[in-house]
């Protein structure tokens, strides 16, 4: 079974904190994804900083 994200929050405009259902946690830098796919909306840094779920 693939672990599902259970918590996602922005740390700054390039890094998110993600926690998965299996307990795995990480802080990936997703700056390389700006302007691509669903991340196009995050060109606006304010929108990115509001993006989270818990």
PDB file of N, CA and C in Angstrom:
ATOM      1  N   UNK A   1       0.847  -1.188   0.000  1.00  0.00           N
ATOM      2  CA  UNK A   1       0.000   0.000   0.000  1.00  0.00           C
ATOM      3  C   UNK A   1       0.886   1.242   0.000  1.00  0.00           C
ATOM      4  N   UNK A   2       0.509   2.209  -0.789  1.00  0.00           N
ATOM      5  CA  UNK A   2       1.259   3.459  -0.888  1.00  0.00           C
ATOM      6  C   UNK A   2       0.850   4.375   0.273  1.00  0.00           C
ATOM      7  N   UNK A   3       1.834   4.886   1.041  1.00  0.00           N
ATOM      8  CA  UNK A   3       1.508   5.809   2.134  1.00  0.00           C
ATOM      9  C   UNK A   3       0.856   7.080   1.598  1.00  0.00           C
ATOM     10  N   UNK A   4      -0.114   7.585   2.317  1.00  0.00           N
ATOM     11  CA  UNK A   4      -0.806   8.804   1.927  1.00  0.00           C
ATOM     12  C   UNK A   4      -0.309   9.981   2.757  1.00  0.00           C
ATOM     13  N   UNK A   5      -0.255  11.181   2.165  1.00  0.00           N
ATOM     14  CA  UNK A   5       0.120  12.352   2.959  1.00  0.00           C
ATOM     15  C   UNK A   5      -0.988  12.659   3.961  1.00  0.00           C
ATOM     16  N   UNK A   6      -0.598  12.900   5.211  1.00  0.00           N
ATOM     17  CA  UNK A   6      -1.576  13.228   6.243  1.00  0.00           C
ATOM     18  C   UNK A   6      -1.402  14.657   6.749  1.00  0.00           C
ATOM     19  N   UNK A   7      -0.246  15.248   6.477  1.00  0.00           N
ATOM     20  CA  UNK A   7      -0.006  16.636   6.877  1.00  0.00           C
ATOM     21  C   UNK A   7       0.955  17.261   5.869  1.00  0.00           C
ATOM     22  N   UNK A   8       0.604  18.441   5.383  1.00  0.00           N
ATOM     23  CA  UNK A   8       1.467  19.187   4.468  1.00  0.00           C
ATOM     24  C   UNK A   8       1.390  20.650   4.876  1.00  0.00           C
ATOM     25  N   UNK A   9       2.546  21.265   5.052  1.00  0.00           N
ATOM     26  CA  UNK A   9       2.557  22.701   5.359  1.00  0.00           C
ATOM     27  C   UNK A   9       3.783  23.329   4.710  1.00  0.00           C
ATOM     28  N   UNK A  10       3.656  24.590   4.387  1.00  0.00           N
ATOM     29  CA  UNK A  10       4.782  25.287   3.782  1.00  0.00           C
ATOM     30  C   UNK A  10       5.697  25.801   4.883  1.00  0.00           C
ATOM     31  N   UNK A  11       6.999  25.661   4.654  1.00  0.00           N
ATOM     32  CA  UNK A  11       7.989  26.199   5.593  1.00  0.00           C
ATOM     33  C   UNK A  11       8.476  27.557   5.110  1.00  0.00           C
ATOM     34  N   UNK A  12       8.597  27.693   3.810  1.00  0.00           N
ATOM     35  CA  UNK A  12       8.899  28.962   3.155  1.00  0.00           C
ATOM     36  C   UNK A  12       8.463  28.822   1.710  1.00  0.00           C
ATOM     37  N   UNK A  13       8.849  29.727   0.847  1.00  0.00           N
ATOM     38  CA  UNK A  13       8.316  29.680  -0.521  1.00  0.00           C
ATOM     39  C   UNK A  13       8.857  28.536  -1.371  1.00  0.00           C
ATOM     40  N   UNK A  14       9.868  27.818  -0.905  1.00  0.00           N
ATOM     41  CA  UNK A  14      10.448  26.729  -1.690  1.00  0.00           C
ATOM     42  C   UNK A  14      10.392  25.363  -1.016  1.00  0.00           C
ATOM     43  N   UNK A  15      10.090  25.323   0.262  1.00  0.00           N
ATOM     44  CA  UNK A  15      10.179  24.064   1.013  1.00  0.00           C
ATOM     45  C   UNK A  15       8.855  23.776   1.714  1.00  0.00           C
ATOM     46  N   UNK A  16       8.415  22.515   1.614  1.00  0.00           N
ATOM     47  CA  UNK A  16       7.228  22.079   2.322  1.00  0.00           C
ATOM     48  C   UNK A  16       7.616  21.003   3.332  1.00  0.00           C
ATOM     49  N   UNK A  17       6.816  20.861   4.363  1.00  0.00           N
ATOM     50  CA  UNK A  17       6.976  19.770   5.318  1.00  0.00           C
ATOM     51  C   UNK A  17       5.849  18.796   5.038  1.00  0.00           C
ATOM     52  N   UNK A  18       6.180  17.517   4.842  1.00  0.00           N
ATOM     53  CA  UNK A  18       5.187  16.503   4.524  1.00  0.00           C
ATOM     54  C   UNK A  18       5.316  15.352   5.509  1.00  0.00           C
ATOM     55  N   UNK A  19       4.166  14.872   6.005  1.00  0.00           N
ATOM     56  CA  UNK A  19       4.133  13.678   6.848  1.00  0.00           C
ATOM     57  C   UNK A  19       3.169  12.687   6.204  1.00  0.00           C
ATOM     58  N   UNK A  20       3.578  11.416   6.177  1.00  0.00           N
ATOM     59  CA  UNK A  20       2.791  10.373   5.538  1.00  0.00           C
ATOM     60  C   UNK A  20       2.199   9.412   6.560  1.00  0.00           C
ATOM     61  N   UNK A  21       1.193   8.658   6.120  1.00  0.00           N
ATOM     62  CA  UNK A  21       0.465   7.742   6.996  1.00  0.00           C
ATOM     63  C   UNK A  21       1.347   6.654   7.598  1.00  0.00           C
ATOM     64  N   UNK A  22       2.498   6.372   7.013  1.00  0.00           N
ATOM     65  CA  UNK A  22       3.395   5.352   7.569  1.00  0.00           C
ATOM     66  C   UNK A  22       4.425   5.939   8.533  1.00  0.00           C
ATOM     67  N   UNK A  23       4.310   7.240   8.830  1.00  0.00           N
ATOM     68  CA  UNK A  23       5.225   7.896   9.760  1.00  0.00           C
ATOM     69  C   UNK A  23       6.414   8.579   9.107  1.00  0.00           C
ATOM     70  N   UNK A  24       6.601   8.384   7.818  1.00  0.00           N
ATOM     71  CA  UNK A  24       7.684   9.046   7.094  1.00  0.00           C
ATOM     72  C   UNK A  24       7.439  10.547   7.077  1.00  0.00           C
ATOM     73  N   UNK A  25       8.506  11.331   7.304  1.00  0.00           N
ATOM     74  CA  UNK A  25       8.418  12.790   7.300  1.00  0.00           C
ATOM     75  C   UNK A  25       9.565  13.351   6.463  1.00  0.00           C
ATOM     76  N   UNK A  26       9.362  14.513   5.898  1.00  0.00           N
ATOM     77  CA  UNK A  26      10.440  15.137   5.143  1.00  0.00           C
ATOM     78  C   UNK A  26      10.133  16.575   4.790  1.00  0.00           C
ATOM     79  N   UNK A  27      11.180  17.277   4.373  1.00  0.00           N
ATOM     80  CA  UNK A  27      11.086  18.687   4.004  1.00  0.00           C
ATOM     81  C   UNK A  27      11.704  18.897   2.621  1.00  0.00           C
ATOM     82  N   UNK A  28      11.012  18.457   1.569  1.00  0.00           N
ATOM     83  CA  UNK A  28      11.592  18.601   0.232  1.00  0.00           C
ATOM     84  C   UNK A  28      11.577  20.043  -0.272  1.00  0.00           C
ATOM     85  N   UNK A  29      12.613  20.376  -1.004  1.00  0.00           N
ATOM     86  CA  UNK A  29      12.693  21.649  -1.718  1.00  0.00           C
ATOM     87  C   UNK A  29      12.010  21.423  -3.060  1.00  0.00           C
ATOM     88  N   UNK A  30      10.913  22.119  -3.292  1.00  0.00           N
ATOM     89  CA  UNK A  30      10.171  21.918  -4.542  1.00  0.00           C
ATOM     90  C   UNK A  30      10.312  23.112  -5.494  1.00  0.00           C
ATOM     91  N   UNK A  31      11.342  23.915  -5.291  1.00  0.00           N
ATOM     92  CA  UNK A  31      11.530  25.103  -6.129  1.00  0.00           C
ATOM     93  C   UNK A  31      11.704  24.751  -7.606  1.00  0.00           C
ATOM     94  N   UNK A  32      12.228  23.573  -7.895  1.00  0.00           N
ATOM     95  CA  UNK A  32      12.423  23.166  -9.292  1.00  0.00           C
ATOM     96  C   UNK A  32      11.101  22.858  -9.999  1.00  0.00           C
ATOM     97  N   UNK A  33       9.999  22.781  -9.247  1.00  0.00           N
ATOM     98  CA  UNK A  33       8.697  22.474  -9.832  1.00  0.00           C
ATOM     99  C   UNK A  33       7.870  23.715 -10.179  1.00  0.00           C
ATOM    100  N   UNK A  34       8.330  24.896  -9.757  1.00  0.00           N
ATOM    101  CA  UNK A  34       7.597  26.128 -10.061  1.00  0.00           C
ATOM    102  C   UNK A  34       7.451  26.251 -11.578  1.00  0.00           C
ATOM    103  N   UNK A  35       6.294  26.700 -12.003  1.00  0.00           N
ATOM    104  CA  UNK A  35       5.943  26.869 -13.427  1.00  0.00           C
ATOM    105  C   UNK A  35       5.589  25.548 -14.105  1.00  0.00           C
ATOM    106  N   UNK A  36       5.473  24.450 -13.350  1.00  0.00           N
ATOM    107  CA  UNK A  36       5.166  23.151 -13.960  1.00  0.00           C
ATOM    108  C   UNK A  36       3.879  22.579 -13.367  1.00  0.00           C
ATOM    109  N   UNK A  37       2.985  22.122 -14.234  1.00  0.00           N
ATOM    110  CA  UNK A  37       1.773  21.438 -13.803  1.00  0.00           C
ATOM    111  C   UNK A  37       0.989  22.193 -12.748  1.00  0.00           C
ATOM    112  N   UNK A  38       0.603  21.480 -11.693  1.00  0.00           N
ATOM    113  CA  UNK A  38      -0.213  22.085 -10.643  1.00  0.00           C
ATOM    114  C   UNK A  38       0.545  23.132  -9.849  1.00  0.00           C
ATOM    115  N   UNK A  39       1.862  23.165  -9.977  1.00  0.00           N
ATOM    116  CA  UNK A  39       2.677  24.115  -9.228  1.00  0.00           C
ATOM    117  C   UNK A  39       2.723  25.500  -9.867  1.00  0.00           C
ATOM    118  N   UNK A  40       2.112  25.665 -11.043  1.00  0.00           N
ATOM    119  CA  UNK A  40       2.067  26.979 -11.690  1.00  0.00           C
ATOM    120  C   UNK A  40       1.425  28.027 -10.788  1.00  0.00           C
ATOM    121  N   UNK A  41       0.440  27.611  -9.993  1.00  0.00           N
ATOM    122  CA  UNK A  41      -0.255  28.551  -9.103  1.00  0.00           C
ATOM    123  C   UNK A  41       0.669  29.073  -8.019  1.00  0.00           C
ATOM    124  N   UNK A  42       1.741  28.360  -7.728  1.00  0.00           N
ATOM    125  CA  UNK A  42       2.639  28.751  -6.643  1.00  0.00           C
ATOM    126  C   UNK A  42       3.683  29.770  -7.060  1.00  0.00           C
ATOM    127  N   UNK A  43       3.592  30.280  -8.289  1.00  0.00           N
ATOM    128  CA  UNK A  43       4.464  31.378  -8.697  1.00  0.00           C
ATOM    129  C   UNK A  43       4.208  32.561  -7.767  1.00  0.00           C
ATOM    130  N   UNK A  44       2.944  32.693  -7.365  1.00  0.00           N
ATOM    131  CA  UNK A  44       2.567  33.703  -6.383  1.00  0.00           C
ATOM    132  C   UNK A  44       2.944  33.145  -5.007  1.00  0.00           C
ATOM    133  N   UNK A  45       4.008  33.654  -4.396  1.00  0.00           N
ATOM    134  CA  UNK A  45       4.510  33.153  -3.122  1.00  0.00           C
ATOM    135  C   UNK A  45       3.493  33.183  -2.004  1.00  0.00           C
ATOM    136  N   UNK A  46       2.599  34.180  -2.012  1.00  0.00           N
ATOM    137  CA  UNK A  46       1.581  34.259  -0.974  1.00  0.00           C
ATOM    138  C   UNK A  46       0.625  33.071  -1.043  1.00  0.00           C
ATOM    139  N   UNK A  47       0.271  32.672  -2.248  1.00  0.00           N
ATOM    140  CA  UNK A  47      -0.608  31.521  -2.415  1.00  0.00           C
ATOM    141  C   UNK A  47       0.080  30.266  -1.903  1.00  0.00           C
ATOM    142  N   UNK A  48       1.354  30.112  -2.208  1.00  0.00           N
ATOM    143  CA  UNK A  48       2.099  28.943  -1.750  1.00  0.00           C
ATOM    144  C   UNK A  48       2.111  28.863  -0.232  1.00  0.00           C
ATOM    145  N   UNK A  49       2.354  29.973   0.433  1.00  0.00           N
ATOM    146  CA  UNK A  49       2.451  29.971   1.891  1.00  0.00           C
ATOM    147  C   UNK A  49       1.111  29.661   2.558  1.00  0.00           C
ATOM    148  N   UNK A  50       0.016  29.796   1.835  1.00  0.00           N
ATOM    149  CA  UNK A  50      -1.301  29.465   2.367  1.00  0.00           C
ATOM    150  C   UNK A  50      -1.668  27.994   2.128  1.00  0.00           C
ATOM    151  N   UNK A  51      -0.884  27.311   1.328  1.00  0.00           N
ATOM    152  CA  UNK A  51      -1.229  25.944   0.930  1.00  0.00           C
ATOM    153  C   UNK A  51      -0.780  24.943   1.977  1.00  0.00           C
ATOM    154  N   UNK A  52      -1.741  24.283   2.584  1.00  0.00           N
ATOM    155  CA  UNK A  52      -1.422  23.269   3.581  1.00  0.00           C
ATOM    156  C   UNK A  52      -2.666  22.469   3.914  1.00  0.00           C
ATOM    157  N   UNK A  53      -2.469  21.346   4.536  1.00  0.00           N
ATOM    158  CA  UNK A  53      -3.560  20.621   5.152  1.00  0.00           C
ATOM    159  C   UNK A  53      -3.021  19.813   6.304  1.00  0.00           C
ATOM    160  N   UNK A  54      -3.866  19.589   7.286  1.00  0.00           N
ATOM    161  CA  UNK A  54      -3.486  18.802   8.459  1.00  0.00           C
ATOM    162  C   UNK A  54      -4.624  17.901   8.821  1.00  0.00           C
TER     163      UNK A  54
END
